[in-house]
PDB file of N, CA and C in Angstrom:
ATOM      1  N   UNK A   1       0.667  -1.355   0.205  1.00  0.00           N
ATOM      2  CA  UNK A   1      -0.176   0.633   0.021  1.00  0.00           C
ATOM      3  C   UNK A   1       1.041   1.126   0.203  1.00  0.00           C
ATOM      4  N   UNK A   2       0.540   2.196  -0.548  1.00  0.00           N
ATOM      5  CA  UNK A   2       1.368   3.679  -0.560  1.00  0.00           C
ATOM      6  C   UNK A   2       1.035   4.513   0.726  1.00  0.00           C
ATOM      7  N   UNK A   3       1.697   4.873   0.983  1.00  0.00           N
ATOM      8  CA  UNK A   3       1.995   5.600   1.919  1.00  0.00           C
ATOM      9  C   UNK A   3       0.963   7.149   1.832  1.00  0.00           C
ATOM     10  N   UNK A   4      -0.130   7.703   2.944  1.00  0.00           N
ATOM     11  CA  UNK A   4      -0.607   8.356   2.876  1.00  0.00           C
ATOM     12  C   UNK A   4       0.095   9.338   2.961  1.00  0.00           C
ATOM     13  N   UNK A   5      -0.128  10.728   2.545  1.00  0.00           N
ATOM     14  CA  UNK A   5       0.337  12.142   3.167  1.00  0.00           C
ATOM     15  C   UNK A   5       0.123  12.151   4.217  1.00  0.00           C
ATOM     16  N   UNK A   6       1.183  12.817   5.333  1.00  0.00           N
ATOM     17  CA  UNK A   6       0.677  13.007   6.859  1.00  0.00           C
ATOM     18  C   UNK A   6       0.335  14.253   6.921  1.00  0.00           C
ATOM     19  N   UNK A   7      -0.626  14.317   7.767  1.00  0.00           N
ATOM     20  CA  UNK A   7      -1.491  15.214   7.877  1.00  0.00           C
ATOM     21  C   UNK A   7      -1.657  15.833   9.564  1.00  0.00           C
ATOM     22  N   UNK A   8      -1.207  16.696   9.688  1.00  0.00           N
ATOM     23  CA  UNK A   8      -1.200  17.274  11.040  1.00  0.00           C
ATOM     24  C   UNK A   8      -2.015  18.664  11.438  1.00  0.00           C
ATOM     25  N   UNK A   9      -2.805  18.539  12.338  1.00  0.00           N
ATOM     26  CA  UNK A   9      -3.847  19.687  12.838  1.00  0.00           C
ATOM     27  C   UNK A   9      -2.967  20.785  13.499  1.00  0.00           C
ATOM     28  N   UNK A  10      -1.612  20.237  13.987  1.00  0.00           N
ATOM     29  CA  UNK A  10      -0.911  21.153  14.775  1.00  0.00           C
ATOM     30  C   UNK A  10       0.410  21.687  14.060  1.00  0.00           C
ATOM     31  N   UNK A  11       0.730  22.903  14.250  1.00  0.00           N
ATOM     32  CA  UNK A  11       1.784  23.139  13.677  1.00  0.00           C
ATOM     33  C   UNK A  11       2.590  24.089  14.850  1.00  0.00           C
ATOM     34  N   UNK A  12       3.996  24.251  14.509  1.00  0.00           N
ATOM     35  CA  UNK A  12       4.684  25.005  15.258  1.00  0.00           C
ATOM     36  C   UNK A  12       4.459  26.758  14.783  1.00  0.00           C
ATOM     37  N   UNK A  13       4.015  27.180  13.648  1.00  0.00           N
ATOM     38  CA  UNK A  13       4.068  28.212  13.193  1.00  0.00           C
ATOM     39  C   UNK A  13       2.298  29.030  13.291  1.00  0.00           C
ATOM     40  N   UNK A  14       2.732  29.826  13.890  1.00  0.00           N
ATOM     41  CA  UNK A  14       1.129  30.909  14.400  1.00  0.00           C
ATOM     42  C   UNK A  14       0.867  31.398  13.317  1.00  0.00           C
ATOM     43  N   UNK A  15       1.972  31.831  12.430  1.00  0.00           N
ATOM     44  CA  UNK A  15       1.913  32.737  11.222  1.00  0.00           C
ATOM     45  C   UNK A  15       1.147  31.983   9.932  1.00  0.00           C
ATOM     46  N   UNK A  16       0.077  31.497   9.909  1.00  0.00           N
ATOM     47  CA  UNK A  16      -0.525  30.603   8.158  1.00  0.00           C
ATOM     48  C   UNK A  16      -1.226  31.278   7.276  1.00  0.00           C
ATOM     49  N   UNK A  17      -0.868  30.569   6.259  1.00  0.00           N
ATOM     50  CA  UNK A  17      -1.646  31.220   5.152  1.00  0.00           C
ATOM     51  C   UNK A  17      -3.669  31.104   5.187  1.00  0.00           C
ATOM     52  N   UNK A  18      -4.356  32.245   4.547  1.00  0.00           N
ATOM     53  CA  UNK A  18      -5.541  32.192   4.740  1.00  0.00           C
ATOM     54  C   UNK A  18      -5.824  30.808   4.108  1.00  0.00           C
ATOM     55  N   UNK A  19      -7.131  30.017   4.591  1.00  0.00           N
ATOM     56  CA  UNK A  19      -7.708  28.957   4.170  1.00  0.00           C
ATOM     57  C   UNK A  19      -6.857  27.834   4.298  1.00  0.00           C
ATOM     58  N   UNK A  20      -5.928  27.738   5.257  1.00  0.00           N
ATOM     59  CA  UNK A  20      -5.043  26.689   5.396  1.00  0.00           C
ATOM     60  C   UNK A  20      -5.764  25.455   6.202  1.00  0.00           C
ATOM     61  N   UNK A  21      -6.809  25.779   6.993  1.00  0.00           N
ATOM     62  CA  UNK A  21      -7.577  24.344   7.682  1.00  0.00           C
ATOM     63  C   UNK A  21      -8.512  24.145   6.368  1.00  0.00           C
ATOM     64  N   UNK A  22      -9.115  25.133   5.627  1.00  0.00           N
ATOM     65  CA  UNK A  22      -9.900  24.318   4.659  1.00  0.00           C
ATOM     66  C   UNK A  22      -8.891  23.273   3.357  1.00  0.00           C
ATOM     67  N   UNK A  23      -7.705  23.519   3.079  1.00  0.00           N
ATOM     68  CA  UNK A  23      -6.882  22.763   2.714  1.00  0.00           C
ATOM     69  C   UNK A  23      -6.375  21.648   3.302  1.00  0.00           C
ATOM     70  N   UNK A  24      -6.193  21.492   4.586  1.00  0.00           N
ATOM     71  CA  UNK A  24      -6.259  20.253   5.683  1.00  0.00           C
ATOM     72  C   UNK A  24      -7.375  19.502   5.139  1.00  0.00           C
ATOM     73  N   UNK A  25      -8.267  19.886   5.028  1.00  0.00           N
ATOM     74  CA  UNK A  25      -9.858  18.954   4.893  1.00  0.00           C
ATOM     75  C   UNK A  25      -9.864  18.788   3.518  1.00  0.00           C
ATOM     76  N   UNK A  26      -9.335  19.580   2.806  1.00  0.00           N
ATOM     77  CA  UNK A  26      -9.128  18.901   1.037  1.00  0.00           C
ATOM     78  C   UNK A  26      -7.933  17.873   1.351  1.00  0.00           C
ATOM     79  N   UNK A  27      -7.066  17.986   1.743  1.00  0.00           N
ATOM     80  CA  UNK A  27      -6.230  16.964   1.617  1.00  0.00           C
ATOM     81  C   UNK A  27      -6.750  15.444   2.669  1.00  0.00           C
ATOM     82  N   UNK A  28      -7.275  16.121   3.464  1.00  0.00           N
ATOM     83  CA  UNK A  28      -8.055  14.699   4.223  1.00  0.00           C
ATOM     84  C   UNK A  28      -8.678  13.960   3.519  1.00  0.00           C
ATOM     85  N   UNK A  29      -9.761  14.267   2.561  1.00  0.00           N
ATOM     86  CA  UNK A  29     -10.627  13.893   2.118  1.00  0.00           C
ATOM     87  C   UNK A  29     -10.085  13.259   1.363  1.00  0.00           C
ATOM     88  N   UNK A  30      -9.243  14.036  -0.216  1.00  0.00           N
ATOM     89  CA  UNK A  30      -8.440  13.498  -1.105  1.00  0.00           C
ATOM     90  C   UNK A  30      -7.909  11.751  -0.996  1.00  0.00           C
ATOM     91  N   UNK A  31      -7.022  11.668   0.147  1.00  0.00           N
ATOM     92  CA  UNK A  31      -6.252  10.989   0.550  1.00  0.00           C
ATOM     93  C   UNK A  31      -7.293   9.453   1.498  1.00  0.00           C
ATOM     94  N   UNK A  32      -8.236   9.811   1.562  1.00  0.00           N
ATOM     95  CA  UNK A  32      -9.328   8.692   2.238  1.00  0.00           C
ATOM     96  C   UNK A  32      -9.867   8.363   0.661  1.00  0.00           C
ATOM     97  N   UNK A  33     -10.564   8.833  -0.013  1.00  0.00           N
ATOM     98  CA  UNK A  33     -11.052   8.797  -1.643  1.00  0.00           C
ATOM     99  C   UNK A  33      -9.877   8.126  -2.192  1.00  0.00           C
ATOM    100  N   UNK A  34      -8.977   8.619  -2.128  1.00  0.00           N
ATOM    101  CA  UNK A  34      -7.892   7.977  -3.145  1.00  0.00           C
ATOM    102  C   UNK A  34      -7.316   6.395  -2.454  1.00  0.00           C
ATOM    103  N   UNK A  35      -7.808   5.883  -1.129  1.00  0.00           N
ATOM    104  CA  UNK A  35      -7.950   4.697  -0.371  1.00  0.00           C
ATOM    105  C   UNK A  35      -9.115   3.945  -1.075  1.00  0.00           C
ATOM    106  N   UNK A  36      -9.649   4.213  -1.602  1.00  0.00           N
ATOM    107  CA  UNK A  36     -11.355   3.675  -1.494  1.00  0.00           C
ATOM    108  C   UNK A  36     -11.855   3.495  -2.533  1.00  0.00           C
ATOM    109  N   UNK A  37     -11.620   4.231  -3.368  1.00  0.00           N
ATOM    110  CA  UNK A  37     -12.317   4.686  -4.667  1.00  0.00           C
ATOM    111  C   UNK A  37     -10.762   4.363  -6.352  1.00  0.00           C
ATOM    112  N   UNK A  38      -9.863   4.072  -5.877  1.00  0.00           N
ATOM    113  CA  UNK A  38      -8.936   4.152  -6.671  1.00  0.00           C
ATOM    114  C   UNK A  38      -9.271   3.134  -8.242  1.00  0.00           C
ATOM    115  N   UNK A  39      -9.035   3.322  -9.546  1.00  0.00           N
ATOM    116  CA  UNK A  39      -9.276   2.851 -10.493  1.00  0.00           C
ATOM    117  C   UNK A  39     -10.913   2.722 -11.016  1.00  0.00           C
ATOM    118  N   UNK A  40     -11.605   3.636 -10.215  1.00  0.00           N
ATOM    119  CA  UNK A  40     -13.020   3.477 -10.312  1.00  0.00           C
ATOM    120  C   UNK A  40     -13.275   4.651 -11.355  1.00  0.00           C
ATOM    121  N   UNK A  41     -14.414   4.894 -11.931  1.00  0.00           N
ATOM    122  CA  UNK A  41     -14.808   6.138 -12.903  1.00  0.00           C
ATOM    123  C   UNK A  41     -15.054   7.123 -12.558  1.00  0.00           C
ATOM    124  N   UNK A  42     -13.990   8.523 -12.922  1.00  0.00           N
ATOM    125  CA  UNK A  42     -13.797   9.439 -12.803  1.00  0.00           C
ATOM    126  C   UNK A  42     -15.084  10.429 -12.129  1.00  0.00           C
ATOM    127  N   UNK A  43     -16.199   9.898 -12.720  1.00  0.00           N
ATOM    128  CA  UNK A  43     -17.889  10.588 -12.122  1.00  0.00           C
ATOM    129  C   UNK A  43     -18.096  10.322 -10.621  1.00  0.00           C
ATOM    130  N   UNK A  44     -18.004   8.771 -10.466  1.00  0.00           N
ATOM    131  CA  UNK A  44     -18.107   8.268  -9.170  1.00  0.00           C
ATOM    132  C   UNK A  44     -17.309   8.572  -8.025  1.00  0.00           C
ATOM    133  N   UNK A  45     -15.776   8.947  -8.183  1.00  0.00           N
ATOM    134  CA  UNK A  45     -14.715   9.540  -7.371  1.00  0.00           C
ATOM    135  C   UNK A  45     -15.049  11.207  -7.066  1.00  0.00           C
ATOM    136  N   UNK A  46     -15.391  11.981  -8.641  1.00  0.00           N
ATOM    137  CA  UNK A  46     -15.851  13.228  -7.720  1.00  0.00           C
ATOM    138  C   UNK A  46     -17.292  13.072  -7.168  1.00  0.00           C
ATOM    139  N   UNK A  47     -18.176  12.255  -7.407  1.00  0.00           N
ATOM    140  CA  UNK A  47     -19.577  12.511  -6.275  1.00  0.00           C
ATOM    141  C   UNK A  47     -18.625  12.546  -4.938  1.00  0.00           C
ATOM    142  N   UNK A  48     -17.857  11.377  -4.491  1.00  0.00           N
ATOM    143  CA  UNK A  48     -17.811  11.116  -3.528  1.00  0.00           C
ATOM    144  C   UNK A  48     -16.656  11.529  -3.127  1.00  0.00           C
ATOM    145  N   UNK A  49     -15.863  12.775  -3.846  1.00  0.00           N
ATOM    146  CA  UNK A  49     -14.961  13.673  -2.894  1.00  0.00           C
ATOM    147  C   UNK A  49     -16.161  14.663  -2.738  1.00  0.00           C
ATOM    148  N   UNK A  50     -16.978  14.933  -3.785  1.00  0.00           N
ATOM    149  CA  UNK A  50     -17.937  16.062  -3.352  1.00  0.00           C
ATOM    150  C   UNK A  50     -18.443  15.793  -2.229  1.00  0.00           C
ATOM    151  N   UNK A  51     -19.455  14.860  -1.890  1.00  0.00           N
ATOM    152  CA  UNK A  51     -19.826  14.337  -0.745  1.00  0.00           C
ATOM    153  C   UNK A  51     -19.179  14.789   0.790  1.00  0.00           C
ATOM    154  N   UNK A  52     -17.912  14.087   0.433  1.00  0.00           N
ATOM    155  CA  UNK A  52     -17.067  13.739   1.379  1.00  0.00           C
ATOM    156  C   UNK A  52     -16.526  15.601   2.317  1.00  0.00           C
ATOM    157  N   UNK A  53     -16.364  16.409   1.088  1.00  0.00           N
ATOM    158  CA  UNK A  53     -16.147  17.442   1.207  1.00  0.00           C
ATOM    159  C   UNK A  53     -16.918  18.535   2.111  1.00  0.00           C
ATOM    160  N   UNK A  54     -18.140  18.348   1.619  1.00  0.00           N
ATOM    161  CA  UNK A  54     -19.552  18.631   2.101  1.00  0.00           C
ATOM    162  C   UNK A  54     -19.260  18.466   3.414  1.00  0.00           C
ATOM    163  N   UNK A  55     -19.273  17.271   3.787  1.00  0.00           N
ATOM    164  CA  UNK A  55     -19.305  16.822   5.054  1.00  0.00           C
ATOM    165  C   UNK A  55     -18.420  17.357   6.254  1.00  0.00           C
ATOM    166  N   UNK A  56     -17.551  17.932   5.581  1.00  0.00           N
ATOM    167  CA  UNK A  56     -16.316  18.276   6.458  1.00  0.00           C
ATOM    168  C   UNK A  56     -16.540  19.775   6.532  1.00  0.00           C
ATOM    169  N   UNK A  57     -17.657  20.274   5.833  1.00  0.00           N
ATOM    170  CA  UNK A  57     -17.496  21.851   5.955  1.00  0.00           C
ATOM    171  C   UNK A  57     -17.015  22.753   4.497  1.00  0.00           C
ATOM    172  N   UNK A  58     -16.471  21.966   3.456  1.00  0.00           N
ATOM    173  CA  UNK A  58     -15.631  22.723   2.306  1.00  0.00           C
ATOM    174  C   UNK A  58     -17.165  22.683   1.181  1.00  0.00           C
ATOM    175  N   UNK A  59     -16.322  24.198   0.488  1.00  0.00           N
ATOM    176  CA  UNK A  59     -17.600  24.368  -0.380  1.00  0.00           C
ATOM    177  C   UNK A  59     -16.476  23.657  -1.837  1.00  0.00           C
ATOM    178  N   UNK A  60     -16.848  22.372  -2.345  1.00  0.00           N
ATOM    179  CA  UNK A  60     -16.408  22.376  -3.439  1.00  0.00           C
ATOM    180  C   UNK A  60     -15.933  22.935  -4.627  1.00  0.00           C
ATOM    181  N   UNK A  61     -14.872  22.698  -5.228  1.00  0.00           N
ATOM    182  CA  UNK A  61     -14.437  23.660  -6.204  1.00  0.00           C
ATOM    183  C   UNK A  61     -14.665  22.125  -6.905  1.00  0.00           C
ATOM    184  N   UNK A  62     -15.570  22.559  -8.361  1.00  0.00           N
ATOM    185  CA  UNK A  62     -15.834  21.444  -9.497  1.00  0.00           C
ATOM    186  C   UNK A  62     -14.668  21.087 -10.256  1.00  0.00           C
ATOM    187  N   UNK A  63     -13.595  22.038 -10.588  1.00  0.00           N
ATOM    188  CA  UNK A  63     -12.444  21.687 -11.538  1.00  0.00           C
ATOM    189  C   UNK A  63     -11.236  21.181 -10.557  1.00  0.00           C
ATOM    190  N   UNK A  64     -10.995  21.087  -9.554  1.00  0.00           N
ATOM    191  CA  UNK A  64     -10.273  21.088  -8.628  1.00  0.00           C
ATOM    192  C   UNK A  64     -10.638  19.643  -8.378  1.00  0.00           C
ATOM    193  N   UNK A  65     -11.843  19.252  -8.412  1.00  0.00           N
ATOM    194  CA  UNK A  65     -12.855  18.032  -7.650  1.00  0.00           C
ATOM    195  C   UNK A  65     -12.419  16.965  -9.066  1.00  0.00           C
ATOM    196  N   UNK A  66     -12.509  17.855  -9.908  1.00  0.00           N
ATOM    197  CA  UNK A  66     -12.296  16.941 -11.252  1.00  0.00           C
ATOM    198  C   UNK A  66     -10.728  16.147 -11.581  1.00  0.00           C
ATOM    199  N   UNK A  67     -10.075  17.213 -11.186  1.00  0.00           N
ATOM    200  CA  UNK A  67      -8.381  16.845 -11.507  1.00  0.00           C
ATOM    201  C   UNK A  67      -8.260  15.934 -10.396  1.00  0.00           C
ATOM    202  N   UNK A  68      -8.628  15.759  -9.473  1.00  0.00           N
ATOM    203  CA  UNK A  68      -8.504  14.659  -8.648  1.00  0.00           C
ATOM    204  C   UNK A  68      -8.883  13.309  -9.009  1.00  0.00           C
ATOM    205  N   UNK A  69     -10.479  13.356  -8.831  1.00  0.00           N
ATOM    206  CA  UNK A  69     -10.757  12.253  -9.960  1.00  0.00           C
ATOM    207  C   UNK A  69     -10.404  11.655 -10.980  1.00  0.00           C
ATOM    208  N   UNK A  70      -9.817  12.538 -11.912  1.00  0.00           N
ATOM    209  CA  UNK A  70      -8.783  11.789 -13.236  1.00  0.00           C
ATOM    210  C   UNK A  70      -7.554  11.261 -12.395  1.00  0.00           C
ATOM    211  N   UNK A  71      -7.105  11.723 -11.673  1.00  0.00           N
ATOM    212  CA  UNK A  71      -5.827  11.297 -11.139  1.00  0.00           C
ATOM    213  C   UNK A  71      -5.987  10.390 -10.250  1.00  0.00           C
ATOM    214  N   UNK A  72      -7.190  10.088  -9.653  1.00  0.00           N
ATOM    215  CA  UNK A  72      -7.534   8.551  -8.354  1.00  0.00           C
ATOM    216  C   UNK A  72      -8.071   7.580  -9.660  1.00  0.00           C
ATOM    217  N   UNK A  73      -8.583   7.989 -10.664  1.00  0.00           N
ATOM    218  CA  UNK A  73      -8.904   6.805 -11.553  1.00  0.00           C
ATOM    219  C   UNK A  73      -7.862   5.719 -12.239  1.00  0.00           C
ATOM    220  N   UNK A  74      -6.771   6.995 -11.985  1.00  0.00           N
ATOM    221  CA  UNK A  74      -5.645   6.180 -13.477  1.00  0.00           C
ATOM    222  C   UNK A  74      -4.966   5.495 -12.518  1.00  0.00           C
ATOM    223  N   UNK A  75      -5.169   5.408 -11.281  1.00  0.00           N
ATOM    224  CA  UNK A  75      -4.022   5.070 -10.176  1.00  0.00           C
ATOM    225  C   UNK A  75      -4.527   3.575 -10.464  1.00  0.00           C
ATOM    226  N   UNK A  76      -3.831   2.109  -9.925  1.00  0.00           N
ATOM    227  CA  UNK A  76      -4.088   1.189 -10.197  1.00  0.00           C
ATOM    228  C   UNK A  76      -4.895   0.464  -8.660  1.00  0.00           C
ATOM    229  N   UNK A  77      -5.968  -0.303  -8.563  1.00  0.00           N
ATOM    230  CA  UNK A  77      -6.456  -0.922  -7.343  1.00  0.00           C
ATOM    231  C   UNK A  77      -5.528  -1.249  -6.313  1.00  0.00           C
ATOM    232  N   UNK A  78      -5.618  -1.629  -5.315  1.00  0.00           N
ATOM    233  CA  UNK A  78      -5.385  -1.773  -3.961  1.00  0.00           C
ATOM    234  C   UNK A  78      -5.800  -3.599  -4.469  1.00  0.00           C
ATOM    235  N   UNK A  79      -5.020  -4.214  -3.760  1.00  0.00           N
ATOM    236  CA  UNK A  79      -5.700  -5.127  -3.781  1.00  0.00           C
ATOM    237  C   UNK A  79      -5.970  -5.574  -1.829  1.00  0.00           C
ATOM    238  N   UNK A  80      -6.980  -6.236  -1.879  1.00  0.00           N
ATOM    239  CA  UNK A  80      -7.591  -6.614  -0.579  1.00  0.00           C
ATOM    240  C   UNK A  80      -6.424  -6.310   0.535  1.00  0.00           C
ATOM    241  N   UNK A  81      -6.700  -6.050   1.821  1.00  0.00           N
ATOM    242  CA  UNK A  81      -6.132  -6.240   3.076  1.00  0.00           C
ATOM    243  C   UNK A  81      -6.891  -7.169   3.769  1.00  0.00           C
ATOM    244  N   UNK A  82      -5.842  -8.248   3.560  1.00  0.00           N
ATOM    245  CA  UNK A  82      -6.364  -9.470   4.259  1.00  0.00           C
ATOM    246  C   UNK A  82      -5.089  -9.885   5.625  1.00  0.00           C
ATOM    247  N   UNK A  83      -4.734  -8.864   6.521  1.00  0.00           N
ATOM    248  CA  UNK A  83      -3.790  -9.023   7.117  1.00  0.00           C
ATOM    249  C   UNK A  83      -4.520  -9.116   8.677  1.00  0.00           C
TER     250      UNK A  83
END
């Protein structure tokens, strides 16, 4: 399994760019969908990303979702984890 990008809600820097919390939520959702929907049709992936972004309070960007969905669709399906 490919490693998931690390996400930290805590940082030592008190000077952050506007919107950093939203980007953390987007990264979290995209990583989660990447693990569960890879290799599926882009429309299905885009809908999953859209729904999960709404659930965490992010207004989805259709163009960005389409790019993520296209990239995730091109990934090979992960083998089942029987551990």
